[in-house]
Protein backbone atom coordinates (compact mmCIF):
# COMPACT_ATOMS: atom_id res chain seq x y z
CA MET A 1 121.23 116.13 55.47
CA LYS A 2 121.49 119.31 57.41
CA GLN A 3 125.64 119.50 59.05
CA LEU A 4 125.16 119.90 62.04
CA GLU A 5 127.40 122.78 64.28
CA PHE A 6 129.38 122.46 67.07
CA ASP A 7 130.33 124.20 69.37
CA THR A 8 134.37 123.91 69.67
CA ASP A 9 135.01 125.94 72.73
CA ILE A 10 131.71 124.58 75.07
CA TYR A 11 134.06 124.48 78.17
CA ASN A 12 134.62 128.56 77.32
CA THR A 13 131.14 129.17 77.19
CA ILE A 14 129.64 127.55 79.86
CA ARG A 15 132.51 129.15 82.05
CA ARG A 16 131.29 132.63 80.51
CA ASN A 17 127.82 131.36 81.48
CA ILE A 18 128.33 130.27 84.61
CA LYS A 19 130.17 133.69 85.52
CA LYS A 20 127.00 135.91 83.94
CA TYR A 21 124.51 134.28 85.28
CA ARG A 22 126.14 133.77 88.99
CA LYS A 23 127.10 137.79 88.78
CA GLU A 24 123.18 138.43 87.70
CA LYS A 25 122.37 136.53 90.70
CA GLY A 26 123.97 138.87 92.79
CA MET A 27 125.99 136.38 94.50
CA THR A 28 130.28 135.47 94.58
CA SER A 29 131.75 132.24 93.85
CA ALA A 30 132.55 131.91 97.50
CA GLU A 31 128.75 131.88 98.03
CA LEU A 32 128.15 129.45 95.18
CA ALA A 33 130.80 127.28 95.84
CA GLU A 34 129.24 126.97 99.44
CA LEU A 35 125.71 126.00 97.56
CA VAL A 36 127.15 122.93 95.30
CA ASP A 37 129.16 121.87 98.14
CA LEU A 38 132.62 122.81 96.46
CA SER A 39 135.56 124.40 97.39
CA HIS A 40 135.61 127.90 96.35
CA ASP A 41 139.34 127.36 94.73
CA PHE A 42 137.65 125.09 91.86
CA ILE A 43 134.37 127.34 91.59
CA ARG A 44 137.24 129.90 90.67
CA GLN A 45 139.04 127.20 88.20
CA ILE A 46 135.59 126.50 86.82
CA GLU A 47 135.34 130.40 85.78
CA SER A 48 138.63 131.01 84.94
CA GLU A 49 139.22 130.48 81.06
CA LYS A 50 143.15 130.48 81.68
CA VAL A 51 142.44 126.87 83.66
CA ALA A 52 142.09 124.01 81.63
CA ASN A 53 139.97 122.40 84.19
CA THR A 54 137.49 120.30 83.19
CA PHE A 55 134.12 119.42 85.25
CA SER A 56 131.39 116.79 85.37
CA VAL A 57 128.03 116.53 84.58
CA ASP A 58 127.26 116.52 87.87
CA THR A 59 128.33 119.80 88.54
CA LEU A 60 127.13 121.26 86.04
CA TYR A 61 123.99 120.24 87.24
CA ARG A 62 124.65 121.39 91.34
CA ILE A 63 125.44 124.64 89.38
CA SER A 64 122.62 125.38 87.60
CA ILE A 65 120.40 124.39 90.09
CA ALA A 66 121.96 126.41 92.66
CA LEU A 67 122.23 129.55 89.82
CA ASN A 68 118.18 128.94 89.34
CA THR A 69 119.13 128.44 85.60
CA SER A 70 118.56 125.68 83.58
CA LEU A 71 121.21 123.80 81.61
CA ASP A 72 120.17 124.80 78.39
CA LYS A 73 121.40 128.38 79.49
CA LEU A 74 124.54 127.55 80.79
CA ILE A 75 125.45 125.87 77.60
CA GLU A 76 123.82 128.37 74.94
CA LYS A 77 126.63 130.46 72.85
CA GLN A 78 126.15 134.17 73.60
């Protein structure tokens, strides 16, 4: 049986991808926050690798919709 490989740093992978796709869309973190009905500070925390902040699947889903990006792109290790 093939050994599965897991991203042991999945939150940081997601953080980097959210920031990457947000910037590609020319969107500020404040604009993203407004679209997904979260505080600007919370979006900044999600994107920051310095803050040990987790987020729900619902939050991740809403961000993917706002960025017009699939969930698999947000969890894809670059």
